[in-house]
C-alpha atoms as a PDB file:
ATOM      1  CA  MET A   1     -30.563  42.325-116.050  1.00  0.00           C
ATOM      2  CA  SER A   2     -28.348  43.002-118.935  1.00  0.00           C
ATOM      3  CA  ALA A   3     -25.221  41.571-117.430  1.00  0.00           C
ATOM      4  CA  THR A   4     -23.452  38.686-118.639  1.00  0.00           C
ATOM      5  CA  ALA A   5     -21.265  35.789-116.891  1.00  0.00           C
ATOM      6  CA  THR A   6     -17.926  36.876-117.337  1.00  0.00           C
ATOM      7  CA  SER A   7     -14.440  35.777-115.051  1.00  0.00           C
ATOM      8  CA  ILE A   8     -11.025  36.889-114.980  1.00  0.00           C
ATOM      9  CA  ALA A   9      -8.116  35.529-113.018  1.00  0.00           C
ATOM     10  CA  ASN A  10      -4.607  35.537-112.695  1.00  0.00           C
ATOM     11  CA  ASP A  11      -2.436  33.809-109.857  1.00  0.00           C
ATOM     12  CA  ARG A  12      -2.941  37.519-107.550  1.00  0.00           C
ATOM     13  CA  VAL A  13      -6.559  38.409-108.157  1.00  0.00           C
ATOM     14  CA  ALA A  14      -9.593  36.904-109.828  1.00  0.00           C
ATOM     15  CA  ILE A  15     -12.590  38.421-111.296  1.00  0.00           C
ATOM     16  CA  ASP A  16     -16.018  37.002-111.822  1.00  0.00           C
ATOM     17  CA  LEU A  17     -19.025  39.213-112.999  1.00  0.00           C
ATOM     18  CA  GLY A  18     -22.295  37.215-112.433  1.00  0.00           C
ATOM     19  CA  GLU A  19     -25.458  38.020-114.426  1.00  0.00           C
ATOM     20  CA  ASP A  20     -27.252  39.958-111.791  1.00  0.00           C
ATOM     21  CA  GLY A  21     -24.040  42.820-112.324  1.00  0.00           C
ATOM     22  CA  VAL A  22     -22.542  41.621-109.084  1.00  0.00           C
ATOM     23  CA  ALA A  23     -18.857  41.443-109.007  1.00  0.00           C
ATOM     24  CA  ASP A  24     -17.275  38.257-106.902  1.00  0.00           C
ATOM     25  CA  VAL A  25     -13.443  39.766-106.509  1.00  0.00           C
ATOM     26  CA  ARG A  26     -11.027  37.477-104.896  1.00  0.00           C
ATOM     27  CA  LEU A  27      -7.377  38.185-103.290  1.00  0.00           C
ATOM     28  CA  VAL A  28      -5.999  34.585-104.387  1.00  0.00           C
ATOM     29  CA  ARG A  29      -2.778  34.367-103.078  1.00  0.00           C
ATOM     30  CA  GLY A  30      -4.552  32.126-100.454  1.00  0.00           C
ATOM     31  CA  ASP A  31      -0.772  30.136 -99.726  1.00  0.00           C
ATOM     32  CA  LYS A  32       0.777  33.349 -98.713  1.00  0.00           C
ATOM     33  CA  MET A  33      -2.542  34.991 -96.444  1.00  0.00           C
ATOM     34  CA  ASN A  34      -2.868  37.264-100.255  1.00  0.00           C
ATOM     35  CA  ALA A  35       0.438  39.234 -98.289  1.00  0.00           C
ATOM     36  CA  LEU A  36       1.411  41.989-101.146  1.00  0.00           C
ATOM     37  CA  ASP A  37       4.279  41.714-103.008  1.00  0.00           C
ATOM     38  CA  PRO A  38       5.014  43.665-106.146  1.00  0.00           C
ATOM     39  CA  GLN A  39       2.803  41.340-108.244  1.00  0.00           C
ATOM     40  CA  MET A  40      -0.544  41.565-105.606  1.00  0.00           C
ATOM     41  CA  PHE A  41       0.243  45.458-106.159  1.00  0.00           C
ATOM     42  CA  GLN A  42       0.411  45.416-109.605  1.00  0.00           C
ATOM     43  CA  ALA A  43      -2.727  42.360-109.851  1.00  0.00           C
ATOM     44  CA  ILE A  44      -4.728  44.447-107.597  1.00  0.00           C
ATOM     45  CA  ILE A  45      -4.587  47.901-109.307  1.00  0.00           C
ATOM     46  CA  GLU A  46      -5.274  45.806-112.823  1.00  0.00           C
ATOM     47  CA  ALA A  47      -8.135  44.558-111.201  1.00  0.00           C
ATOM     48  CA  GLY A  48      -9.706  47.792-110.795  1.00  0.00           C
ATOM     49  CA  SER A  49      -9.119  49.187-113.747  1.00  0.00           C
ATOM     50  CA  THR A  50     -10.826  46.167-115.228  1.00  0.00           C
ATOM     51  CA  LEU A  51     -14.035  46.813-113.187  1.00  0.00           C
ATOM     52  CA  GLN A  52     -13.926  50.696-114.086  1.00  0.00           C
ATOM     53  CA  ARG A  53     -14.173  49.657-117.659  1.00  0.00           C
ATOM     54  CA  MET A  54     -16.853  46.654-117.125  1.00  0.00           C
ATOM     55  CA  LYS A  55     -20.305  46.874-118.912  1.00  0.00           C
ATOM     56  CA  GLY A  56     -23.083  45.582-116.528  1.00  0.00           C
ATOM     57  CA  LEU A  57     -21.311  46.638-113.099  1.00  0.00           C
ATOM     58  CA  ARG A  58     -23.930  46.949-110.558  1.00  0.00           C
ATOM     59  CA  ALA A  59     -21.803  45.976-107.431  1.00  0.00           C
ATOM     60  CA  VAL A  60     -18.418  44.899-106.105  1.00  0.00           C
ATOM     61  CA  VAL A  61     -17.561  41.579-103.518  1.00  0.00           C
ATOM     62  CA  LEU A  62     -14.289  41.945-102.426  1.00  0.00           C
ATOM     63  CA  SER A  63     -12.617  38.842-100.446  1.00  0.00           C
ATOM     64  CA  GLY A  64      -9.570  36.606 -99.803  1.00  0.00           C
ATOM     65  CA  GLU A  65      -9.000  33.486-100.422  1.00  0.00           C
ATOM     66  CA  GLY A  66      -7.631  30.872 -97.653  1.00  0.00           C
ATOM     67  CA  ARG A  67      -7.033  31.689 -94.085  1.00  0.00           C
ATOM     68  CA  ALA A  68      -7.226  35.420 -94.306  1.00  0.00           C
ATOM     69  CA  PHE A  69      -8.396  38.536 -96.004  1.00  0.00           C
ATOM     70  CA  CYS A  70      -4.866  40.091 -96.612  1.00  0.00           C
ATOM     71  CA  ALA A  71      -1.557  39.927 -94.284  1.00  0.00           C
ATOM     72  CA  GLY A  72      -0.429  42.946 -95.149  1.00  0.00           C
ATOM     73  CA  LEU A  73       2.620  44.069 -96.617  1.00  0.00           C
ATOM     74  CA  ASP A  74       4.914  40.612 -97.569  1.00  0.00           C
ATOM     75  CA  LEU A  75       7.953  41.129 -95.531  1.00  0.00           C
ATOM     76  CA  SER A  76      10.210  40.052 -98.401  1.00  0.00           C
ATOM     77  CA  ASN A  77       9.625  43.749 -99.482  1.00  0.00           C
ATOM     78  CA  PHE A  78      11.638  45.010 -96.522  1.00  0.00           C
ATOM     79  CA  ALA A  79      14.602  42.928 -98.556  1.00  0.00           C
ATOM     80  CA  ARG A  80      13.660  43.759-102.413  1.00  0.00           C
ATOM     81  CA  LYS A  81      15.941  46.068-103.967  1.00  0.00           C
ATOM     82  CA  VAL A  82      14.105  49.382-105.032  1.00  0.00           C
ATOM     83  CA  PRO A  83      14.567  49.411-109.313  1.00  0.00           C
ATOM     84  CA  GLU A  84      15.892  52.680-110.342  1.00  0.00           C
ATOM     85  CA  ASP A  85      13.042  53.357-112.721  1.00  0.00           C
ATOM     86  CA  GLU A  86      10.625  52.950-109.760  1.00  0.00           C
ATOM     87  CA  PRO A  87       8.639  56.582-109.533  1.00  0.00           C
ATOM     88  CA  SER A  88       9.177  58.257-105.937  1.00  0.00           C
ATOM     89  CA  LEU A  89       6.468  57.669-103.459  1.00  0.00           C
ATOM     90  CA  THR A  90       6.013  61.459-103.898  1.00  0.00           C
ATOM     91  CA  GLU A  91       4.885  61.022-107.873  1.00  0.00           C
ATOM     92  CA  ARG A  92       1.431  60.654-108.474  1.00  0.00           C
ATOM     93  CA  THR A  93       1.058  58.391-110.728  1.00  0.00           C
ATOM     94  CA  TYR A  94      -2.761  57.270-110.365  1.00  0.00           C
ATOM     95  CA  GLY A  95      -4.485  60.798-110.377  1.00  0.00           C
ATOM     96  CA  ASN A  96      -4.224  61.765-106.856  1.00  0.00           C
ATOM     97  CA  ALA A  97      -2.289  58.518-105.351  1.00  0.00           C
ATOM     98  CA  ASN A  98       0.719  56.453-105.679  1.00  0.00           C
ATOM     99  CA  LYS A  99       0.385  52.810-106.783  1.00  0.00           C
ATOM    100  CA  PHE A 100       0.527  52.084-103.364  1.00  0.00           C
ATOM    101  CA  GLN A 101      -2.232  54.329-102.310  1.00  0.00           C
ATOM    102  CA  GLN A 102      -4.001  53.100-105.296  1.00  0.00           C
ATOM    103  CA  VAL A 103      -4.603  49.725-104.156  1.00  0.00           C
ATOM    104  CA  SER A 104      -6.663  51.305-101.764  1.00  0.00           C
ATOM    105  CA  MET A 105      -8.152  54.397-103.143  1.00  0.00           C
ATOM    106  CA  GLN A 106      -9.078  52.585-106.651  1.00  0.00           C
ATOM    107  CA  TRP A 107     -12.342  51.043-104.666  1.00  0.00           C
ATOM    108  CA  ARG A 108     -13.849  54.318-103.143  1.00  0.00           C
ATOM    109  CA  LYS A 109     -12.813  55.556-106.862  1.00  0.00           C
ATOM    110  CA  LEU A 110     -15.143  52.825-108.309  1.00  0.00           C
ATOM    111  CA  PRO A 111     -18.408  54.251-109.480  1.00  0.00           C
ATOM    112  CA  VAL A 112     -20.531  51.273-107.836  1.00  0.00           C
ATOM    113  CA  PRO A 113     -20.467  50.122-104.456  1.00  0.00           C
ATOM    114  CA  VAL A 114     -17.696  47.970-103.099  1.00  0.00           C
ATOM    115  CA  ILE A 115     -18.870  45.285 -99.777  1.00  0.00           C
ATOM    116  CA  ALA A 116     -15.498  43.811 -98.493  1.00  0.00           C
ATOM    117  CA  ALA A 117     -16.054  40.450 -96.678  1.00  0.00           C
ATOM    118  CA  LEU A 118     -13.138  40.150 -94.104  1.00  0.00           C
ATOM    119  CA  HIS A 119     -12.052  37.151 -92.244  1.00  0.00           C
ATOM    120  CA  GLY A 120      -8.747  35.743 -90.870  1.00  0.00           C
ATOM    121  CA  VAL A 121      -6.379  38.475 -90.572  1.00  0.00           C
ATOM    122  CA  CYS A 122      -6.339  41.950 -91.815  1.00  0.00           C
ATOM    123  CA  PHE A 123      -3.402  43.686 -91.102  1.00  0.00           C
ATOM    124  CA  GLY A 124      -1.948  46.901 -92.441  1.00  0.00           C
ATOM    125  CA  GLY A 125      -2.330  47.449 -96.135  1.00  0.00           C
ATOM    126  CA  GLY A 126      -5.227  44.921 -95.619  1.00  0.00           C
ATOM    127  CA  LEU A 127      -7.076  46.738 -93.652  1.00  0.00           C
ATOM    128  CA  ALA A 128      -6.067  50.452 -95.661  1.00  0.00           C
ATOM    129  CA  ILE A 129      -7.080  48.077 -98.768  1.00  0.00           C
ATOM    130  CA  ALA A 130     -10.824  46.846 -96.565  1.00  0.00           C
ATOM    131  CA  SER A 131     -11.208  50.894 -95.573  1.00  0.00           C
ATOM    132  CA  GLY A 132     -11.752  51.780 -99.273  1.00  0.00           C
ATOM    133  CA  ALA A 133     -14.647  49.341 -99.625  1.00  0.00           C
ATOM    134  CA  ASP A 134     -17.752  51.008 -99.300  1.00  0.00           C
ATOM    135  CA  ILE A 135     -19.125  48.691 -96.486  1.00  0.00           C
ATOM    136  CA  ARG A 136     -17.130  46.460 -94.882  1.00  0.00           C
ATOM    137  CA  ILE A 137     -18.779  43.092 -93.078  1.00  0.00           C
ATOM    138  CA  ALA A 138     -15.983  41.202 -90.866  1.00  0.00           C
ATOM    139  CA  HIS A 139     -16.029  37.523 -88.927  1.00  0.00           C
ATOM    140  CA  PRO A 140     -16.043  38.190 -85.180  1.00  0.00           C
ATOM    141  CA  GLU A 141     -12.814  36.617 -84.704  1.00  0.00           C
ATOM    142  CA  THR A 142     -10.979  38.324 -87.731  1.00  0.00           C
ATOM    143  CA  ARG A 143      -7.182  40.002 -86.523  1.00  0.00           C
ATOM    144  CA  MET A 144      -7.218  43.182 -87.277  1.00  0.00           C
ATOM    145  CA  SER A 145      -4.498  46.577 -86.486  1.00  0.00           C
ATOM    146  CA  ILE A 146      -2.939  49.327 -88.216  1.00  0.00           C
ATOM    147  CA  MET A 147      -0.123  47.314 -88.424  1.00  0.00           C
ATOM    148  CA  GLU A 148       2.796  50.119 -89.905  1.00  0.00           C
ATOM    149  CA  MET A 149       4.456  51.273 -86.492  1.00  0.00           C
ATOM    150  CA  ARG A 150       5.338  47.598 -85.959  1.00  0.00           C
ATOM    151  CA  TRP A 151       8.165  47.961 -88.629  1.00  0.00           C
ATOM    152  CA  GLY A 152       8.687  51.904 -87.507  1.00  0.00           C
ATOM    153  CA  LEU A 153       6.545  53.422 -90.451  1.00  0.00           C
ATOM    154  CA  VAL A 154       3.287  55.435 -90.684  1.00  0.00           C
ATOM    155  CA  PRO A 155       0.697  54.053 -92.635  1.00  0.00           C
ATOM    156  CA  ASP A 156       1.050  55.635 -96.396  1.00  0.00           C
ATOM    157  CA  MET A 157      -1.528  53.544 -98.530  1.00  0.00           C
ATOM    158  CA  GLY A 158      -4.406  55.900 -98.341  1.00  0.00           C
ATOM    159  CA  GLY A 159      -5.656  55.100 -94.748  1.00  0.00           C
ATOM    160  CA  TYR A 160      -5.676  58.877 -93.390  1.00  0.00           C
ATOM    161  CA  ALA A 161      -7.857  59.385 -96.107  1.00  0.00           C
ATOM    162  CA  LEU A 162     -10.173  56.652 -96.090  1.00  0.00           C
ATOM    163  CA  TRP A 163     -10.475  56.707 -92.021  1.00  0.00           C
ATOM    164  CA  ARG A 164     -12.200  60.332 -91.699  1.00  0.00           C
ATOM    165  CA  GLY A 165     -15.546  60.017 -90.737  1.00  0.00           C
ATOM    166  CA  LEU A 166     -15.237  56.282 -89.465  1.00  0.00           C
ATOM    167  CA  VAL A 167     -13.128  56.101 -86.844  1.00  0.00           C
ATOM    168  CA  ARG A 168     -13.101  58.952 -83.487  1.00  0.00           C
ATOM    169  CA  ASP A 169      -9.469  61.002 -83.743  1.00  0.00           C
ATOM    170  CA  ASP A 170      -8.319  60.376 -80.478  1.00  0.00           C
ATOM    171  CA  VAL A 171      -9.417  56.033 -81.174  1.00  0.00           C
ATOM    172  CA  LEU A 172      -7.542  56.539 -84.812  1.00  0.00           C
ATOM    173  CA  ARG A 173      -4.325  57.561 -82.557  1.00  0.00           C
ATOM    174  CA  GLU A 174      -4.363  55.292 -80.405  1.00  0.00           C
ATOM    175  CA  LEU A 175      -4.314  52.402 -82.981  1.00  0.00           C
ATOM    176  CA  ILE A 176      -2.179  54.023 -85.302  1.00  0.00           C
ATOM    177  CA  TYR A 177       0.833  54.780 -82.406  1.00  0.00           C
ATOM    178  CA  THR A 178       0.438  51.010 -80.529  1.00  0.00           C
ATOM    179  CA  ASN A 179      -0.289  49.026 -83.631  1.00  0.00           C
ATOM    180  CA  ARG A 180      -2.306  47.100 -81.125  1.00  0.00           C
ATOM    181  CA  GLU A 181      -4.826  44.189 -82.635  1.00  0.00           C
ATOM    182  CA  PHE A 182      -8.222  44.166 -82.468  1.00  0.00           C
ATOM    183  CA  SER A 183     -11.076  41.567 -83.143  1.00  0.00           C
ATOM    184  CA  GLY A 184     -13.490  41.956 -85.745  1.00  0.00           C
ATOM    185  CA  THR A 185     -16.332  42.855 -83.578  1.00  0.00           C
ATOM    186  CA  GLU A 186     -14.092  45.254 -81.695  1.00  0.00           C
ATOM    187  CA  ALA A 187     -14.143  46.604 -85.407  1.00  0.00           C
ATOM    188  CA  GLN A 188     -17.493  47.425 -85.446  1.00  0.00           C
ATOM    189  CA  THR A 189     -17.442  49.721 -82.192  1.00  0.00           C
ATOM    190  CA  LEU A 190     -14.723  51.449 -83.751  1.00  0.00           C
ATOM    191  CA  GLY A 191     -16.075  52.228 -87.286  1.00  0.00           C
ATOM    192  CA  LEU A 192     -14.036  50.024 -89.138  1.00  0.00           C
ATOM    193  CA  ALA A 193     -16.403  47.030 -89.796  1.00  0.00           C
ATOM    194  CA  THR A 194     -20.208  47.850 -90.866  1.00  0.00           C
ATOM    195  CA  TYR A 195     -21.161  44.789 -89.575  1.00  0.00           C
ATOM    196  CA  VAL A 196     -19.902  41.514 -88.056  1.00  0.00           C
ATOM    197  CA  ASP A 197     -21.171  38.311 -89.592  1.00  0.00           C
ATOM    198  CA  ASP A 198     -20.128  34.691 -89.138  1.00  0.00           C
ATOM    199  CA  ASN A 199     -20.625  33.997 -92.784  1.00  0.00           C
ATOM    200  CA  PRO A 200     -19.272  37.744 -94.074  1.00  0.00           C
ATOM    201  CA  ARG A 201     -18.921  36.816 -97.722  1.00  0.00           C
ATOM    202  CA  ASP A 202     -22.869  35.278 -97.733  1.00  0.00           C
ATOM    203  CA  ARG A 203     -23.626  38.862 -95.946  1.00  0.00           C
ATOM    204  CA  ALA A 204     -21.536  40.740 -98.615  1.00  0.00           C
ATOM    205  CA  PHE A 205     -23.170  39.166-101.469  1.00  0.00           C
ATOM    206  CA  ALA A 206     -26.736  39.857 -99.813  1.00  0.00           C
ATOM    207  CA  ILE A 207     -26.250  43.456 -99.500  1.00  0.00           C
ATOM    208  CA  ALA A 208     -24.304  43.834-103.189  1.00  0.00           C
ATOM    209  CA  ARG A 209     -27.488  41.672-104.651  1.00  0.00           C
ATOM    210  CA  THR A 210     -30.068  43.947-102.986  1.00  0.00           C
ATOM    211  CA  ILE A 211     -27.738  47.575-104.147  1.00  0.00           C
ATOM    212  CA  ALA A 212     -28.002  45.398-107.550  1.00  0.00           C
ATOM    213  CA  LEU A 213     -31.446  45.820-107.663  1.00  0.00           C
ATOM    214  CA  LYS A 214     -31.797  49.265-107.641  1.00  0.00           C
ATOM    215  CA  ASN A 215     -31.418  51.888-110.363  1.00  0.00           C
ATOM    216  CA  PRO A 216     -27.971  51.787-111.406  1.00  0.00           C
ATOM    217  CA  HIS A 217     -27.925  55.513-112.695  1.00  0.00           C
ATOM    218  CA  ALA A 218     -28.988  56.437-108.703  1.00  0.00           C
ATOM    219  CA  ILE A 219     -26.560  54.356-107.108  1.00  0.00           C
ATOM    220  CA  ARG A 220     -23.705  55.882-108.989  1.00  0.00           C
ATOM    221  CA  ALA A 221     -24.905  59.489-107.662  1.00  0.00           C
ATOM    222  CA  ALA A 222     -25.436  58.495-104.797  1.00  0.00           C
ATOM    223  CA  LYS A 223     -21.792  57.650-104.416  1.00  0.00           C
ATOM    224  CA  ARG A 224     -20.701  60.005-106.127  1.00  0.00           C
ATOM    225  CA  LEU A 225     -22.633  62.394-103.613  1.00  0.00           C
ATOM    226  CA  GLN A 226     -21.001  60.489-100.630  1.00  0.00           C
ATOM    227  CA  ALA A 227     -17.466  61.149-102.339  1.00  0.00           C
ATOM    228  CA  GLY A 228     -17.567  64.655-102.114  1.00  0.00           C
ATOM    229  CA  MET A 229     -19.545  65.150 -98.456  1.00  0.00           C
ATOM    230  CA  MET A 230     -16.493  65.060 -96.170  1.00  0.00           C
ATOM    231  CA  GLU A 231     -14.752  67.780 -98.513  1.00  0.00           C
ATOM    232  CA  ARG A 232     -17.289  70.421-100.049  1.00  0.00           C
ATOM    233  CA  GLU A 233     -18.797  72.907 -98.077  1.00  0.00           C
ATOM    234  CA  THR A 234     -22.945  73.100 -97.507  1.00  0.00           C
ATOM    235  CA  ASP A 235     -23.846  75.214-100.454  1.00  0.00           C
ATOM    236  CA  ALA A 236     -21.745  73.061-103.141  1.00  0.00           C
ATOM    237  CA  ILE A 237     -23.577  69.647-101.699  1.00  0.00           C
ATOM    238  CA  LEU A 238     -26.837  70.986-101.422  1.00  0.00           C
ATOM    239  CA  LEU A 239     -26.014  72.215-105.494  1.00  0.00           C
ATOM    240  CA  GLU A 240     -24.617  68.451-106.273  1.00  0.00           C
ATOM    241  CA  GLU A 241     -27.336  66.884-104.881  1.00  0.00           C
ATOM    242  CA  SER A 242     -30.067  68.935-107.283  1.00  0.00           C
ATOM    243  CA  ILE A 243     -28.101  68.333-110.046  1.00  0.00           C
ATOM    244  CA  GLU A 244     -27.601  64.434-109.459  1.00  0.00           C
ATOM    245  CA  GLN A 245     -31.450  64.510-108.860  1.00  0.00           C
ATOM    246  CA  HIS A 246     -32.212  66.888-112.015  1.00  0.00           C
ATOM    247  CA  GLY A 247     -30.270  64.229-114.106  1.00  0.00           C
ATOM    248  CA  ILE A 248     -32.474  60.802-112.814  1.00  0.00           C
ATOM    249  CA  MET A 249     -36.013  62.248-112.469  1.00  0.00           C
ATOM    250  CA  ARG A 250     -38.287  60.669-114.920  1.00  0.00           C
ATOM    251  CA  SER A 251     -35.239  59.055-116.410  1.00  0.00           C
ATOM    252  CA  ARG A 252     -36.306  55.581-118.047  1.00  0.00           C
ATOM    253  CA  ASN A 253     -34.526  53.940-115.078  1.00  0.00           C
ATOM    254  CA  GLN A 254     -36.126  56.285-112.489  1.00  0.00           C
ATOM    255  CA  MET A 255     -39.501  55.481-113.704  1.00  0.00           C
ATOM    256  CA  GLU A 256     -39.123  51.506-114.470  1.00  0.00           C
ATOM    257  CA  ALA A 257     -38.218  51.769-110.321  1.00  0.00           C
ATOM    258  CA  VAL A 258     -41.307  53.520-109.640  1.00  0.00           C
ATOM    259  CA  MET A 259     -43.390  51.037-111.673  1.00  0.00           C
ATOM    260  CA  ALA A 260     -41.359  47.654-110.894  1.00  0.00           C
ATOM    261  CA  GLU A 261     -42.573  48.690-107.126  1.00  0.00           C
ATOM    262  CA  MET A 262     -46.054  49.354-107.395  1.00  0.00           C
ATOM    263  CA  GLU A 263     -45.958  46.095-109.447  1.00  0.00           C
ATOM    264  CA  ARG A 264     -44.468  44.473-107.208  1.00  0.00           C
ATOM    265  CA  ARG A 265     -41.934  42.726-109.714  1.00  0.00           C
ATOM    266  CA  PRO A 266     -38.160  42.682-110.162  1.00  0.00           C
ATOM    267  CA  PRO A 267     -37.275  46.161-111.803  1.00  0.00           C
ATOM    268  CA  SER A 268     -35.610  45.936-115.369  1.00  0.00           C
ATOM    269  CA  PHE A 269     -33.064  48.288-115.449  1.00  0.00           C
ATOM    270  CA  GLU A 270     -31.118  49.274-118.639  1.00  0.00           C
ATOM    271  CA  ASP A 271     -27.105  49.466-117.544  1.00  0.00           C
ATOM    272  CA  VAL A 272     -24.596  52.370-117.545  1.00  0.00           C
END
């Protein structure tokens, strides 16, 4: 691996990129259960932007420090006076999303896989952020809820886009309409958790390090194909598969993957 160890931190989000190319991204507002205040929204978006530009990145593990992954919206937001120059929710300030949607959608927009490790509580906006990950590992006792209806609101942080294909339609309606709480164990049966594990961060890092040993060009191509799978027609999907494969076949990294497998040794890939 050619990535070098890098550390970036502020009082909301910390990023540590290891030499294996796996970025350890942590919400660090642990004293407030990583609740989402304006500074947290901005810090998460800045973290996503940093990761987009990061050289040698192979995979991301996203977690929260302290007692929770993320407790959702900081209730002080309800009393906050909205600045006059703050964009309307309907303005698309981050491509196809507003600021609140971007904190969740940006994980799908990253070119590399993101694995979220969930513990403690994962409510409302916290669950939306976790849903943006490619893979979610939850402690079995994690407390989870699509919380917005409790406050007379609808989910508006990208959930409706991210939950397609994860949760059966009638089940999703029940979770949204009632805002009932469910466990990490139930989340796996519902489709909102990929696996449950008593050590979700360890499991997340194990998956991330396995991914980091694969051809990074192929991993990024696979994520692009996955992103279009729900929206494209069959003919378009078939063509995109062929386009991506044509760009990878017989490339230096693809041949290195073959040789490393045949020689039973760790691969040495060129980074993207």
